[in-house]
C-alpha atoms as a PDB file:
ATOM      1  CA  MET A   1      38.992  -8.184  33.643  1.00  0.00           C
ATOM      2  CA  VAL A   2      38.391 -10.916  31.115  1.00  0.00           C
ATOM      3  CA  ASP A   3      39.690 -14.331  31.980  1.00  0.00           C
ATOM      4  CA  GLU A   4      42.565 -14.884  29.518  1.00  0.00           C
ATOM      5  CA  GLU A   5      41.819 -18.630  29.316  1.00  0.00           C
ATOM      6  CA  ASN A   6      38.262 -18.011  28.109  1.00  0.00           C
ATOM      7  CA  LYS A   7      38.973 -14.924  25.986  1.00  0.00           C
ATOM      8  CA  ASP A   8      39.124 -16.976  22.766  1.00  0.00           C
ATOM      9  CA  VAL A   9      35.825 -18.683  23.614  1.00  0.00           C
ATOM     10  CA  TYR A  10      34.156 -15.320  24.224  1.00  0.00           C
ATOM     11  CA  GLU A  11      35.542 -13.865  21.001  1.00  0.00           C
ATOM     12  CA  GLU A  12      34.290 -16.867  19.015  1.00  0.00           C
ATOM     13  CA  ALA A  13      30.859 -16.571  20.625  1.00  0.00           C
ATOM     14  CA  LEU A  14      30.790 -12.839  19.893  1.00  0.00           C
ATOM     15  CA  GLU A  15      31.742 -13.464  16.254  1.00  0.00           C
ATOM     16  CA  ARG A  16      29.036 -16.153  15.863  1.00  0.00           C
ATOM     17  CA  ILE A  17      26.423 -13.820  17.364  1.00  0.00           C
ATOM     18  CA  GLN A  18      27.508 -10.992  15.070  1.00  0.00           C
ATOM     19  CA  GLN A  19      27.233 -13.296  12.026  1.00  0.00           C
ATOM     20  CA  GLU A  20      23.795 -14.443  13.152  1.00  0.00           C
ATOM     21  CA  ILE A  21      22.647 -10.833  13.598  1.00  0.00           C
ATOM     22  CA  GLU A  22      23.846 -10.036  10.065  1.00  0.00           C
ATOM     23  CA  GLU A  23      21.970 -13.084   8.721  1.00  0.00           C
ATOM     24  CA  VAL A  24      18.769 -12.049  10.513  1.00  0.00           C
ATOM     25  CA  GLN A  25      19.119  -8.535   9.091  1.00  0.00           C
ATOM     26  CA  LYS A  26      19.460  -9.995   5.579  1.00  0.00           C
ATOM     27  CA  GLN A  27      16.338 -12.087   6.166  1.00  0.00           C
ATOM     28  CA  GLU A  28      14.448  -9.009   7.419  1.00  0.00           C
ATOM     29  CA  THR A  29      15.436  -7.118   4.268  1.00  0.00           C
ATOM     30  CA  GLN A  30      14.301  -9.993   2.057  1.00  0.00           C
ATOM     31  CA  LEU A  31      10.995 -10.261   3.934  1.00  0.00           C
ATOM     32  CA  ALA A  32      10.403  -6.508   3.618  1.00  0.00           C
ATOM     33  CA  LEU A  33      11.031  -6.695  -0.140  1.00  0.00           C
ATOM     34  CA  LYS A  34       8.770  -9.727  -0.463  1.00  0.00           C
ATOM     35  CA  LYS A  35       6.023  -7.961   1.506  1.00  0.00           C
ATOM     36  CA  ALA A  36       6.320  -4.878  -0.710  1.00  0.00           C
ATOM     37  CA  ARG A  37       6.024  -7.010  -3.868  1.00  0.00           C
ATOM     38  CA  LEU A  38       3.028  -8.871  -2.465  1.00  0.00           C
ATOM     39  CA  MET A  39       1.296  -5.616  -1.481  1.00  0.00           C
ATOM     40  CA  GLU A  40       1.823  -4.221  -4.993  1.00  0.00           C
ATOM     41  CA  SER A  41       0.417  -7.412  -6.518  1.00  0.00           C
ATOM     42  CA  PHE A  42      -2.533  -7.343  -4.131  1.00  0.00           C
ATOM     43  CA  GLU A  43      -3.332  -3.729  -4.998  1.00  0.00           C
ATOM     44  CA  ALA A  44      -3.042  -4.475  -8.716  1.00  0.00           C
ATOM     45  CA  LEU A  45      -5.265  -7.573  -8.624  1.00  0.00           C
ATOM     46  CA  LEU A  46      -7.874  -6.327  -6.162  1.00  0.00           C
ATOM     47  CA  PRO A  47      -9.895  -4.237  -8.625  1.00  0.00           C
ATOM     48  CA  LEU A  48      -9.941  -7.141 -11.087  1.00  0.00           C
ATOM     49  CA  VAL A  49     -11.459  -9.491  -8.516  1.00  0.00           C
ATOM     50  CA  CYS A  50     -13.717  -7.284  -6.461  1.00  0.00           C
ATOM     51  CA  THR A  51     -15.234  -4.604  -8.601  1.00  0.00           C
ATOM     52  CA  ASP A  52     -18.513  -5.048 -10.345  1.00  0.00           C
ATOM     53  CA  GLU A  53     -17.783  -4.291 -13.996  1.00  0.00           C
ATOM     54  CA  ASP A  54     -21.240  -2.773 -14.408  1.00  0.00           C
ATOM     55  CA  GLU A  55     -20.576  -0.394 -11.528  1.00  0.00           C
ATOM     56  CA  VAL A  56     -19.423   3.020 -12.663  1.00  0.00           C
ATOM     57  CA  VAL A  57     -17.602   5.167 -10.170  1.00  0.00           C
ATOM     58  CA  ASP A  58     -18.645   8.782 -10.455  1.00  0.00           C
ATOM     59  CA  VAL A  59     -15.307  10.569 -10.352  1.00  0.00           C
ATOM     60  CA  ASN A  60     -17.029  13.804  -9.394  1.00  0.00           C
ATOM     61  CA  SER A  61     -18.403  12.192  -6.239  1.00  0.00           C
ATOM     62  CA  LEU A  62     -14.807  11.905  -4.968  1.00  0.00           C
ATOM     63  CA  THR A  63     -13.176  14.550  -2.855  1.00  0.00           C
ATOM     64  CA  LEU A  64     -10.224  16.376  -4.389  1.00  0.00           C
ATOM     65  CA  ALA A  65      -7.866  14.405  -2.128  1.00  0.00           C
ATOM     66  CA  ASP A  66      -9.398  11.067  -3.195  1.00  0.00           C
ATOM     67  CA  ALA A  67      -9.172  12.065  -6.847  1.00  0.00           C
ATOM     68  CA  ILE A  68      -5.493  12.987  -6.374  1.00  0.00           C
ATOM     69  CA  ARG A  69      -4.899   9.643  -4.618  1.00  0.00           C
ATOM     70  CA  LEU A  70      -6.419   7.882  -7.611  1.00  0.00           C
ATOM     71  CA  VAL A  71      -4.274   9.838 -10.092  1.00  0.00           C
ATOM     72  CA  VAL A  72      -1.051   9.211  -8.170  1.00  0.00           C
ATOM     73  CA  ARG A  73      -1.865   5.546  -7.535  1.00  0.00           C
ATOM     74  CA  CYS A  74      -2.582   4.929 -11.216  1.00  0.00           C
ATOM     75  CA  SER A  75       0.532   6.735 -12.408  1.00  0.00           C
ATOM     76  CA  GLY A  76       3.555   4.599 -12.965  1.00  0.00           C
ATOM     77  CA  ARG A  77       5.907   7.476 -12.259  1.00  0.00           C
ATOM     78  CA  PRO A  78       6.243  10.709 -10.274  1.00  0.00           C
ATOM     79  CA  LEU A  79       4.158  13.613 -11.581  1.00  0.00           C
ATOM     80  CA  HIS A  80       4.600  17.363 -11.722  1.00  0.00           C
ATOM     81  CA  MET A  81       1.835  19.357 -10.062  1.00  0.00           C
ATOM     82  CA  ARG A  82       0.588  20.476 -13.517  1.00  0.00           C
ATOM     83  CA  GLU A  83       0.378  16.838 -14.630  1.00  0.00           C
ATOM     84  CA  ILE A  84      -1.793  15.993 -11.636  1.00  0.00           C
ATOM     85  CA  ARG A  85      -4.152  18.815 -12.605  1.00  0.00           C
ATOM     86  CA  LEU A  86      -4.148  17.652 -16.246  1.00  0.00           C
ATOM     87  CA  ARG A  87      -4.911  14.043 -15.275  1.00  0.00           C
ATOM     88  CA  LEU A  88      -7.758  15.201 -13.037  1.00  0.00           C
ATOM     89  CA  ASP A  89      -9.231  17.023 -16.034  1.00  0.00           C
ATOM     90  CA  GLU A  90      -8.654  14.008 -18.321  1.00  0.00           C
ATOM     91  CA  MET A  91     -10.562  11.664 -16.020  1.00  0.00           C
ATOM     92  CA  GLY A  92     -13.472  14.089 -15.918  1.00  0.00           C
ATOM     93  CA  PHE A  93     -12.959  15.567 -12.475  1.00  0.00           C
ATOM     94  CA  LYS A  94     -14.483  19.023 -12.767  1.00  0.00           C
ATOM     95  CA  THR A  95     -11.780  21.043 -11.031  1.00  0.00           C
ATOM     96  CA  MET A  96     -12.620  24.205 -12.974  1.00  0.00           C
ATOM     97  CA  SER A  97     -16.225  24.280 -11.858  1.00  0.00           C
ATOM     98  CA  LYS A  98     -15.649  23.139  -8.266  1.00  0.00           C
ATOM     99  CA  PHE A  99     -12.870  25.547  -7.319  1.00  0.00           C
ATOM    100  CA  LYS A 100     -12.210  29.252  -7.884  1.00  0.00           C
ATOM    101  CA  ASN A 101      -8.478  28.611  -8.297  1.00  0.00           C
ATOM    102  CA  PRO A 102      -8.026  24.936  -9.257  1.00  0.00           C
ATOM    103  CA  MET A 103      -4.203  24.901  -9.190  1.00  0.00           C
ATOM    104  CA  ALA A 104      -4.149  26.463  -5.717  1.00  0.00           C
ATOM    105  CA  SER A 105      -6.623  23.835  -4.521  1.00  0.00           C
ATOM    106  CA  VAL A 106      -4.502  21.029  -5.998  1.00  0.00           C
ATOM    107  CA  HIS A 107      -1.377  22.518  -4.379  1.00  0.00           C
ATOM    108  CA  THR A 108      -3.098  22.787  -0.996  1.00  0.00           C
ATOM    109  CA  ALA A 109      -4.413  19.217  -1.123  1.00  0.00           C
ATOM    110  CA  VAL A 110      -1.060  17.818  -2.272  1.00  0.00           C
ATOM    111  CA  ASN A 111       0.831  19.741   0.433  1.00  0.00           C
ATOM    112  CA  ARG A 112      -1.506  18.384   3.119  1.00  0.00           C
ATOM    113  CA  MET A 113      -1.012  14.873   1.764  1.00  0.00           C
ATOM    114  CA  ILE A 114       2.767  15.381   1.836  1.00  0.00           C
ATOM    115  CA  GLU A 115       2.557  16.486   5.482  1.00  0.00           C
ATOM    116  CA  SER A 116       0.654  13.280   6.309  1.00  0.00           C
ATOM    117  CA  GLU A 117       3.194  11.251   4.257  1.00  0.00           C
ATOM    118  CA  GLU A 118       0.594  10.025   1.776  1.00  0.00           C
ATOM    119  CA  LEU A 119       2.633  11.702  -0.943  1.00  0.00           C
ATOM    120  CA  ALA A 120       6.280  12.701  -1.164  1.00  0.00           C
ATOM    121  CA  TYR A 121       8.377  15.130  -3.149  1.00  0.00           C
ATOM    122  CA  THR A 122      11.100  13.913  -5.459  1.00  0.00           C
ATOM    123  CA  ASP A 123      13.401  15.762  -7.858  1.00  0.00           C
ATOM    124  CA  ASP A 124      12.968  15.481 -11.631  1.00  0.00           C
ATOM    125  CA  GLY A 125      16.707  15.920 -12.206  1.00  0.00           C
ATOM    126  CA  LEU A 126      16.225  19.463 -13.494  1.00  0.00           C
ATOM    127  CA  GLY A 127      15.551  21.013 -10.115  1.00  0.00           C
ATOM    128  CA  ALA A 128      11.755  20.825 -10.249  1.00  0.00           C
ATOM    129  CA  LYS A 129       9.682  19.047  -7.615  1.00  0.00           C
ATOM    130  CA  MET A 130       7.634  16.030  -8.584  1.00  0.00           C
ATOM    131  CA  ILE A 131       5.002  14.174  -6.573  1.00  0.00           C
ATOM    132  CA  GLU A 132       5.147  10.437  -5.889  1.00  0.00           C
ATOM    133  CA  ARG A 133       3.447   7.926  -3.613  1.00  0.00           C
ATOM    134  CA  GLY A 134       4.375   8.241   0.008  1.00  0.00           C
ATOM    135  CA  PRO A 135       4.574   5.426   2.547  1.00  0.00           C
ATOM    136  CA  CYS A 136       1.104   6.169   3.961  1.00  0.00           C
ATOM    137  CA  LEU A 137      -0.956   6.649   0.777  1.00  0.00           C
ATOM    138  CA  LYS A 138      -4.573   5.797   1.560  1.00  0.00           C
ATOM    139  CA  SER A 139      -6.905   3.909  -0.762  1.00  0.00           C
ATOM    140  CA  ALA A 140      -9.753   5.590  -2.535  1.00  0.00           C
ATOM    141  CA  PRO A 141     -13.090   4.927  -0.762  1.00  0.00           C
ATOM    142  CA  PHE A 142     -14.357   2.514  -3.418  1.00  0.00           C
ATOM    143  CA  LEU A 143     -11.125   0.475  -3.138  1.00  0.00           C
ATOM    144  CA  GLU A 144     -11.555   0.236   0.640  1.00  0.00           C
ATOM    145  CA  ARG A 145     -15.078  -1.123   0.115  1.00  0.00           C
ATOM    146  CA  ASP A 146     -13.731  -3.623  -2.424  1.00  0.00           C
ATOM    147  CA  MET A 147     -11.067  -4.747   0.048  1.00  0.00           C
ATOM    148  CA  ARG A 148     -13.764  -5.446   2.675  1.00  0.00           C
ATOM    149  CA  VAL A 149     -15.757  -7.412   0.074  1.00  0.00           C
ATOM    150  CA  SER A 150     -12.607  -9.288  -0.950  1.00  0.00           C
ATOM    151  CA  SER A 151     -11.837 -10.132   2.666  1.00  0.00           C
ATOM    152  CA  ARG A 152     -15.386 -11.424   3.211  1.00  0.00           C
ATOM    153  CA  LYS A 153     -15.241 -13.442  -0.034  1.00  0.00           C
ATOM    154  CA  SER A 154     -11.869 -14.909   0.979  1.00  0.00           C
ATOM    155  CA  LYS A 155     -13.218 -15.979   4.370  1.00  0.00           C
ATOM    156  CA  GLU A 156     -16.301 -17.532   2.750  1.00  0.00           C
ATOM    157  CA  ALA A 157     -14.140 -19.394   0.222  1.00  0.00           C
ATOM    158  CA  MET A 158     -11.844 -20.698   2.968  1.00  0.00           C
ATOM    159  CA  GLN A 159     -14.846 -21.862   5.021  1.00  0.00           C
ATOM    160  CA  HIS A 160     -16.311 -23.583   1.956  1.00  0.00           C
ATOM    161  CA  MET A 161     -12.997 -25.350   1.241  1.00  0.00           C
ATOM    162  CA  ALA A 162     -12.693 -26.387   4.886  1.00  0.00           C
ATOM    163  CA  SER A 163     -16.222 -27.818   4.929  1.00  0.00           C
ATOM    164  CA  GLU A 164     -15.473 -29.813   1.754  1.00  0.00           C
ATOM    165  CA  LYS A 165     -12.425 -31.323   3.470  1.00  0.00           C
ATOM    166  CA  GLY A 166     -14.464 -32.271   6.526  1.00  0.00           C
ATOM    167  CA  GLN A 167     -13.260 -29.400   8.665  1.00  0.00           C
ATOM    168  CA  VAL A 168     -15.333 -26.744  10.330  1.00  0.00           C
ATOM    169  CA  LYS A 169     -13.787 -23.318  10.981  1.00  0.00           C
ATOM    170  CA  THR A 170     -14.973 -21.378  13.978  1.00  0.00           C
ATOM    171  CA  ASP A 171     -14.654 -17.678  14.699  1.00  0.00           C
ATOM    172  CA  ASP A 172     -11.718 -18.235  17.042  1.00  0.00           C
ATOM    173  CA  ALA A 173      -9.769 -19.874  14.168  1.00  0.00           C
ATOM    174  CA  ALA A 174      -9.812 -23.335  15.768  1.00  0.00           C
ATOM    175  CA  SER A 175     -10.618 -26.204  13.478  1.00  0.00           C
ATOM    176  CA  THR A 176     -12.128 -29.571  14.219  1.00  0.00           C
ATOM    177  CA  THR A 177     -12.686 -32.607  12.084  1.00  0.00           C
ATOM    178  CA  THR A 178     -16.265 -33.672  11.460  1.00  0.00           C
ATOM    179  CA  GLU A 179     -17.282 -37.292  11.229  1.00  0.00           C
END
């Protein structure tokens, strides 16, 4: 049994805790949205910073799955399966010569990527399925390499800035002031 004298105190404490939980949930939502915006900005800016403009990526050296990742990542909207095939052809990916039945190969690759949550189905409003980015969409191999280069360049820049300010960064992230 609850002590009647303290019941009001407990109710007030419970209400304050509930309000604080709601506030924390709002903050979590805002942080998740901020993280999503930052990740989109990072992905958009990364190729501008890290790629060598003289370097040409041979689209035909990509696997079908990597080529599909590139098409979906570069699209600003969900795509029909036929549009994915068309965009692969437009970027010079030789689907006709690589596969006996190109549409079946695209379907198989897309379905596997949907199973792994790299891609997801959405409805076009007319009852047809469209393909969009899923929560686990991987980067194309050349973007992964660029991200490693970017990370190394960022670390080097931070070390350079620290040394200019009279600080020395060590591998364990401790800093000391030099004289």
